[in-house]
Amino acid sequence: MKNLLVCEINIEKSTTALLLEERYNINWSFEEYNHLEPTFHLRACIEEAITLQPREIRLIPTGIYPQLLNPRFEIEIRSSSTLLYEKGLVQAEGITYFPYTFRNEIYLFIENKNSEPQNVHPAEKIALFSVKQQPKMVIKWVHQIEESPWKNNSSKSFINKIKRKKSIIKEGKTFERNEL
């Protein structure tokens, strides 16, 4: 396992995270389960438990301020499968990305998908933190894109059907939803 890609990140802990570290005798830093693990847990940086009613969404701080040191990376935050399985709590946005330029505390929208109220406790692990490498994009504007050498019933044929019907719609014919 040589030449593993490394992303360096500076992380500042919030004042509340430092207080919770002392109160609960925990380390707010990311726990490394093994040196190859690409994800870390984010904690709820709250001083008192929060109750989420069924289908309720709440904004919860994580107590960390990240600074990516390489613009080719972005932070990815996603739901914790343990929290979903045990409580039915998920990150409401699905997967959230933070770019290289982000320099603020990470807050997460947590949603209760359970039919019963659920509590989020101070310092509870609520999401997973990882990074993704992003290549530099070079966009070339062309008059027309090339046809794909592979015929796989892609959406292009569907899009062309819609375009043909749009031109007929301009002429006054209307279509039902299932006809598109």
C-alpha atoms as a PDB file:
ATOM      1  CA  MET A   1       0.000   0.000   0.000  1.00  0.00           C
ATOM      2  CA  LYS A   2       2.336   2.637  -1.252  1.00  0.00           C
ATOM      3  CA  ASN A   3       1.580   6.029  -2.713  1.00  0.00           C
ATOM      4  CA  LEU A   4      -1.693   6.542  -0.833  1.00  0.00           C
ATOM      5  CA  LEU A   5      -3.158   9.942  -1.583  1.00  0.00           C
ATOM      6  CA  VAL A   6      -3.035  12.265   1.428  1.00  0.00           C
ATOM      7  CA  CYS A   7      -5.198  15.315   2.101  1.00  0.00           C
ATOM      8  CA  GLU A   8      -3.973  17.640   4.822  1.00  0.00           C
ATOM      9  CA  ILE A   9      -6.581  19.545   6.837  1.00  0.00           C
ATOM     10  CA  ASN A  10      -6.296  22.068   9.657  1.00  0.00           C
ATOM     11  CA  ILE A  11      -9.176  21.812  12.119  1.00  0.00           C
ATOM     12  CA  GLU A  12     -10.068  24.244  14.861  1.00  0.00           C
ATOM     13  CA  LYS A  13     -12.332  23.136  17.740  1.00  0.00           C
ATOM     14  CA  SER A  14     -15.102  25.487  18.833  1.00  0.00           C
ATOM     15  CA  THR A  15     -15.288  26.819  22.383  1.00  0.00           C
ATOM     16  CA  THR A  16     -18.301  24.564  23.010  1.00  0.00           C
ATOM     17  CA  ALA A  17     -16.393  21.508  21.732  1.00  0.00           C
ATOM     18  CA  LEU A  18     -13.538  22.290  24.140  1.00  0.00           C
ATOM     19  CA  LEU A  19     -16.058  22.616  26.997  1.00  0.00           C
ATOM     20  CA  LEU A  20     -17.696  19.276  26.085  1.00  0.00           C
ATOM     21  CA  GLU A  21     -14.286  17.578  25.932  1.00  0.00           C
ATOM     22  CA  GLU A  22     -13.661  18.593  29.509  1.00  0.00           C
ATOM     23  CA  ARG A  23     -17.207  17.875  30.739  1.00  0.00           C
ATOM     24  CA  TYR A  24     -17.439  14.357  29.243  1.00  0.00           C
ATOM     25  CA  ASN A  25     -13.731  13.479  29.397  1.00  0.00           C
ATOM     26  CA  ILE A  26     -13.574  12.789  25.655  1.00  0.00           C
ATOM     27  CA  ASN A  27     -11.306  13.901  22.845  1.00  0.00           C
ATOM     28  CA  TRP A  28     -13.176  15.924  20.197  1.00  0.00           C
ATOM     29  CA  SER A  29     -10.464  15.033  17.682  1.00  0.00           C
ATOM     30  CA  PHE A  30     -11.221  12.459  15.040  1.00  0.00           C
ATOM     31  CA  GLU A  31     -10.784   8.900  16.263  1.00  0.00           C
ATOM     32  CA  GLU A  32      -8.575   6.860  13.974  1.00  0.00           C
ATOM     33  CA  TYR A  33      -9.730   3.242  14.043  1.00  0.00           C
ATOM     34  CA  ASN A  34      -6.956   2.246  11.687  1.00  0.00           C
ATOM     35  CA  HIS A  35      -4.582   4.286   9.555  1.00  0.00           C
ATOM     36  CA  LEU A  36      -6.362   3.292   6.316  1.00  0.00           C
ATOM     37  CA  GLU A  37      -9.849   4.350   7.412  1.00  0.00           C
ATOM     38  CA  PRO A  38     -11.040   7.160   5.109  1.00  0.00           C
ATOM     39  CA  THR A  39     -13.877   8.433   7.335  1.00  0.00           C
ATOM     40  CA  PHE A  40     -14.210  10.002  10.762  1.00  0.00           C
ATOM     41  CA  HIS A  41     -17.214  10.713  12.980  1.00  0.00           C
ATOM     42  CA  LEU A  42     -18.617  14.171  13.623  1.00  0.00           C
ATOM     43  CA  ARG A  43     -20.216  14.836  17.005  1.00  0.00           C
ATOM     44  CA  ALA A  44     -23.208  16.911  18.069  1.00  0.00           C
ATOM     45  CA  CYS A  45     -21.694  20.027  19.624  1.00  0.00           C
ATOM     46  CA  ILE A  46     -24.630  20.803  21.902  1.00  0.00           C
ATOM     47  CA  GLU A  47     -24.673  21.381  25.670  1.00  0.00           C
ATOM     48  CA  GLU A  48     -28.095  19.777  26.276  1.00  0.00           C
ATOM     49  CA  ALA A  49     -29.979  16.948  24.580  1.00  0.00           C
ATOM     50  CA  ILE A  50     -32.270  17.903  21.700  1.00  0.00           C
ATOM     51  CA  THR A  51     -35.522  16.034  21.005  1.00  0.00           C
ATOM     52  CA  LEU A  52     -36.508  15.692  17.363  1.00  0.00           C
ATOM     53  CA  GLN A  53     -40.148  14.929  16.706  1.00  0.00           C
ATOM     54  CA  PRO A  54     -41.054  12.585  13.814  1.00  0.00           C
ATOM     55  CA  ARG A  55     -40.157  14.241  10.458  1.00  0.00           C
ATOM     56  CA  GLU A  56     -38.605  17.213  12.274  1.00  0.00           C
ATOM     57  CA  ILE A  57     -35.347  18.651  10.929  1.00  0.00           C
ATOM     58  CA  ARG A  58     -32.930  20.485  13.228  1.00  0.00           C
ATOM     59  CA  LEU A  59     -29.678  22.304  12.548  1.00  0.00           C
ATOM     60  CA  ILE A  60     -26.937  20.861  14.781  1.00  0.00           C
ATOM     61  CA  PRO A  61     -23.392  22.257  15.115  1.00  0.00           C
ATOM     62  CA  THR A  62     -20.396  19.897  14.997  1.00  0.00           C
ATOM     63  CA  GLY A  63     -17.840  22.048  16.792  1.00  0.00           C
ATOM     64  CA  ILE A  64     -15.229  21.920  14.043  1.00  0.00           C
ATOM     65  CA  TYR A  65     -13.900  24.564  11.670  1.00  0.00           C
ATOM     66  CA  PRO A  66     -12.060  22.831   8.809  1.00  0.00           C
ATOM     67  CA  GLN A  67      -9.438  24.281   6.493  1.00  0.00           C
ATOM     68  CA  LEU A  68      -8.482  22.165   3.511  1.00  0.00           C
ATOM     69  CA  LEU A  69      -4.883  22.817   2.495  1.00  0.00           C
ATOM     70  CA  ASN A  70      -5.279  21.594  -1.095  1.00  0.00           C
ATOM     71  CA  PRO A  71      -7.871  23.100  -3.478  1.00  0.00           C
ATOM     72  CA  ARG A  72      -8.211  19.761  -5.304  1.00  0.00           C
ATOM     73  CA  PHE A  73     -10.156  18.304  -2.348  1.00  0.00           C
ATOM     74  CA  GLU A  74     -13.587  18.896  -0.876  1.00  0.00           C
ATOM     75  CA  ILE A  75     -15.150  17.721   2.362  1.00  0.00           C
ATOM     76  CA  GLU A  76     -17.974  15.187   2.167  1.00  0.00           C
ATOM     77  CA  ILE A  77     -20.404  14.716   5.065  1.00  0.00           C
ATOM     78  CA  ARG A  78     -22.926  11.867   5.049  1.00  0.00           C
ATOM     79  CA  SER A  79     -25.307  10.101   7.408  1.00  0.00           C
ATOM     80  CA  SER A  80     -24.047   7.636   9.952  1.00  0.00           C
ATOM     81  CA  SER A  81     -25.545   4.194   9.279  1.00  0.00           C
ATOM     82  CA  THR A  82     -25.381   3.449  13.021  1.00  0.00           C
ATOM     83  CA  LEU A  83     -27.495   6.519  13.854  1.00  0.00           C
ATOM     84  CA  LEU A  84     -29.950   5.617  11.094  1.00  0.00           C
ATOM     85  CA  TYR A  85     -30.266   2.016  12.238  1.00  0.00           C
ATOM     86  CA  GLU A  86     -30.507   2.767  15.959  1.00  0.00           C
ATOM     87  CA  LYS A  87     -32.641   5.942  15.889  1.00  0.00           C
ATOM     88  CA  GLY A  88     -33.852   6.634  12.366  1.00  0.00           C
ATOM     89  CA  LEU A  89     -31.865   9.890  12.248  1.00  0.00           C
ATOM     90  CA  VAL A  90     -30.286  10.961   8.954  1.00  0.00           C
ATOM     91  CA  GLN A  91     -28.651  13.968   7.438  1.00  0.00           C
ATOM     92  CA  ALA A  92     -31.590  15.703   5.748  1.00  0.00           C
ATOM     93  CA  GLU A  93     -29.525  16.870   2.773  1.00  0.00           C
ATOM     94  CA  GLY A  94     -28.225  13.386   2.003  1.00  0.00           C
ATOM     95  CA  ILE A  95     -24.588  14.076   1.246  1.00  0.00           C
ATOM     96  CA  THR A  96     -23.231  17.571   1.848  1.00  0.00           C
ATOM     97  CA  TYR A  97     -20.063  18.960   0.291  1.00  0.00           C
ATOM     98  CA  PHE A  98     -17.878  21.792   1.539  1.00  0.00           C
ATOM     99  CA  PRO A  99     -15.341  23.293  -0.885  1.00  0.00           C
ATOM    100  CA  TYR A 100     -11.733  24.290  -0.314  1.00  0.00           C
ATOM    101  CA  THR A 101     -12.812  27.876   0.416  1.00  0.00           C
ATOM    102  CA  PHE A 102     -15.133  26.916   3.315  1.00  0.00           C
ATOM    103  CA  ARG A 103     -13.808  28.337   6.600  1.00  0.00           C
ATOM    104  CA  ASN A 104     -16.650  28.117   9.077  1.00  0.00           C
ATOM    105  CA  GLU A 105     -18.135  25.703  11.591  1.00  0.00           C
ATOM    106  CA  ILE A 106     -19.860  22.733  10.015  1.00  0.00           C
ATOM    107  CA  TYR A 107     -23.559  22.563  10.893  1.00  0.00           C
ATOM    108  CA  LEU A 108     -25.725  19.629   9.832  1.00  0.00           C
ATOM    109  CA  PHE A 109     -29.461  19.343   9.164  1.00  0.00           C
ATOM    110  CA  ILE A 110     -30.492  16.182  11.031  1.00  0.00           C
ATOM    111  CA  GLU A 111     -33.917  14.681  10.275  1.00  0.00           C
ATOM    112  CA  ASN A 112     -35.916  12.212  12.352  1.00  0.00           C
ATOM    113  CA  LYS A 113     -37.290   9.587   9.932  1.00  0.00           C
ATOM    114  CA  ASN A 114     -38.621   7.550  12.868  1.00  0.00           C
ATOM    115  CA  SER A 115     -42.304   7.558  13.888  1.00  0.00           C
ATOM    116  CA  GLU A 116     -41.261   8.276  17.513  1.00  0.00           C
ATOM    117  CA  PRO A 117     -39.442  11.299  18.981  1.00  0.00           C
ATOM    118  CA  GLN A 118     -35.658  10.783  19.144  1.00  0.00           C
ATOM    119  CA  ASN A 119     -32.976  12.486  21.222  1.00  0.00           C
ATOM    120  CA  VAL A 120     -29.592  13.722  20.107  1.00  0.00           C
ATOM    121  CA  HIS A 121     -27.248  13.933  23.086  1.00  0.00           C
ATOM    122  CA  PRO A 122     -24.244  16.198  23.654  1.00  0.00           C
ATOM    123  CA  ALA A 123     -21.115  14.810  21.946  1.00  0.00           C
ATOM    124  CA  GLU A 124     -23.094  12.016  20.239  1.00  0.00           C
ATOM    125  CA  LYS A 125     -21.662  10.843  16.907  1.00  0.00           C
ATOM    126  CA  ILE A 126     -24.072  12.130  14.260  1.00  0.00           C
ATOM    127  CA  ALA A 127     -22.396  11.928  10.828  1.00  0.00           C
ATOM    128  CA  LEU A 128     -19.366  10.780   8.837  1.00  0.00           C
ATOM    129  CA  PHE A 129     -16.636  13.126   7.574  1.00  0.00           C
ATOM    130  CA  SER A 130     -14.373  12.320   4.629  1.00  0.00           C
ATOM    131  CA  VAL A 131     -12.696  14.084   1.721  1.00  0.00           C
ATOM    132  CA  LYS A 132     -12.939  13.591  -2.023  1.00  0.00           C
ATOM    133  CA  GLN A 133     -10.400  14.589  -4.612  1.00  0.00           C
ATOM    134  CA  GLN A 134     -11.694  16.806  -7.389  1.00  0.00           C
ATOM    135  CA  PRO A 135      -9.825  17.078 -10.685  1.00  0.00           C
ATOM    136  CA  LYS A 136      -9.386  20.457 -12.324  1.00  0.00           C
ATOM    137  CA  MET A 137     -12.004  20.885 -15.027  1.00  0.00           C
ATOM    138  CA  VAL A 138     -11.157  22.377 -18.401  1.00  0.00           C
ATOM    139  CA  ILE A 139     -14.306  23.218 -20.307  1.00  0.00           C
ATOM    140  CA  LYS A 140     -14.277  23.521 -24.061  1.00  0.00           C
ATOM    141  CA  TRP A 141     -17.355  25.053 -25.647  1.00  0.00           C
ATOM    142  CA  VAL A 142     -18.230  23.433 -28.977  1.00  0.00           C
ATOM    143  CA  HIS A 143     -20.950  23.900 -31.553  1.00  0.00           C
ATOM    144  CA  GLN A 144     -22.056  20.273 -31.243  1.00  0.00           C
ATOM    145  CA  ILE A 145     -20.897  17.367 -29.107  1.00  0.00           C
ATOM    146  CA  GLU A 146     -19.819  14.125 -30.727  1.00  0.00           C
ATOM    147  CA  GLU A 147     -22.023  11.046 -30.848  1.00  0.00           C
ATOM    148  CA  SER A 148     -21.081   8.339 -28.390  1.00  0.00           C
ATOM    149  CA  PRO A 149     -19.511   5.236 -29.935  1.00  0.00           C
ATOM    150  CA  TRP A 150     -21.607   3.125 -27.556  1.00  0.00           C
ATOM    151  CA  LYS A 151     -25.295   2.561 -28.140  1.00  0.00           C
ATOM    152  CA  ASN A 152     -26.738   1.883 -24.718  1.00  0.00           C
ATOM    153  CA  ASN A 153     -30.227   3.342 -24.935  1.00  0.00           C
ATOM    154  CA  SER A 154     -29.011   6.417 -23.122  1.00  0.00           C
ATOM    155  CA  SER A 155     -31.192   9.330 -22.191  1.00  0.00           C
ATOM    156  CA  LYS A 156     -30.209  11.140 -25.389  1.00  0.00           C
ATOM    157  CA  SER A 157     -32.841   9.268 -27.395  1.00  0.00           C
ATOM    158  CA  PHE A 158     -35.411  10.140 -24.728  1.00  0.00           C
ATOM    159  CA  ILE A 159     -34.315  13.777 -24.785  1.00  0.00           C
ATOM    160  CA  ASN A 160     -34.605  13.842 -28.593  1.00  0.00           C
ATOM    161  CA  LYS A 161     -38.193  12.531 -28.310  1.00  0.00           C
ATOM    162  CA  ILE A 162     -38.992  15.359 -25.902  1.00  0.00           C
ATOM    163  CA  LYS A 163     -37.390  17.918 -28.224  1.00  0.00           C
ATOM    164  CA  ARG A 164     -39.484  16.655 -31.194  1.00  0.00           C
ATOM    165  CA  LYS A 165     -42.663  16.858 -29.128  1.00  0.00           C
ATOM    166  CA  LYS A 166     -41.702  20.342 -27.892  1.00  0.00           C
ATOM    167  CA  SER A 167     -41.569  21.539 -31.490  1.00  0.00           C
ATOM    168  CA  ILE A 168     -45.052  20.063 -32.043  1.00  0.00           C
ATOM    169  CA  ILE A 169     -46.270  21.707 -28.819  1.00  0.00           C
ATOM    170  CA  LYS A 170     -45.156  25.071 -30.243  1.00  0.00           C
ATOM    171  CA  GLU A 171     -47.490  24.338 -33.148  1.00  0.00           C
ATOM    172  CA  GLY A 172     -50.424  23.996 -30.745  1.00  0.00           C
ATOM    173  CA  LYS A 173     -50.718  20.256 -29.932  1.00  0.00           C
ATOM    174  CA  THR A 174     -50.722  19.336 -26.233  1.00  0.00           C
ATOM    175  CA  PHE A 175     -49.618  16.064 -24.697  1.00  0.00           C
ATOM    176  CA  GLU A 176     -50.560  14.091 -21.621  1.00  0.00           C
ATOM    177  CA  ARG A 177     -47.762  13.374 -19.147  1.00  0.00           C
ATOM    178  CA  ASN A 178     -47.568   9.670 -20.119  1.00  0.00           C
ATOM    179  CA  GLU A 179     -47.144  10.589 -23.798  1.00  0.00           C
ATOM    180  CA  LEU A 180     -43.799  12.261 -23.084  1.00  0.00           C
END
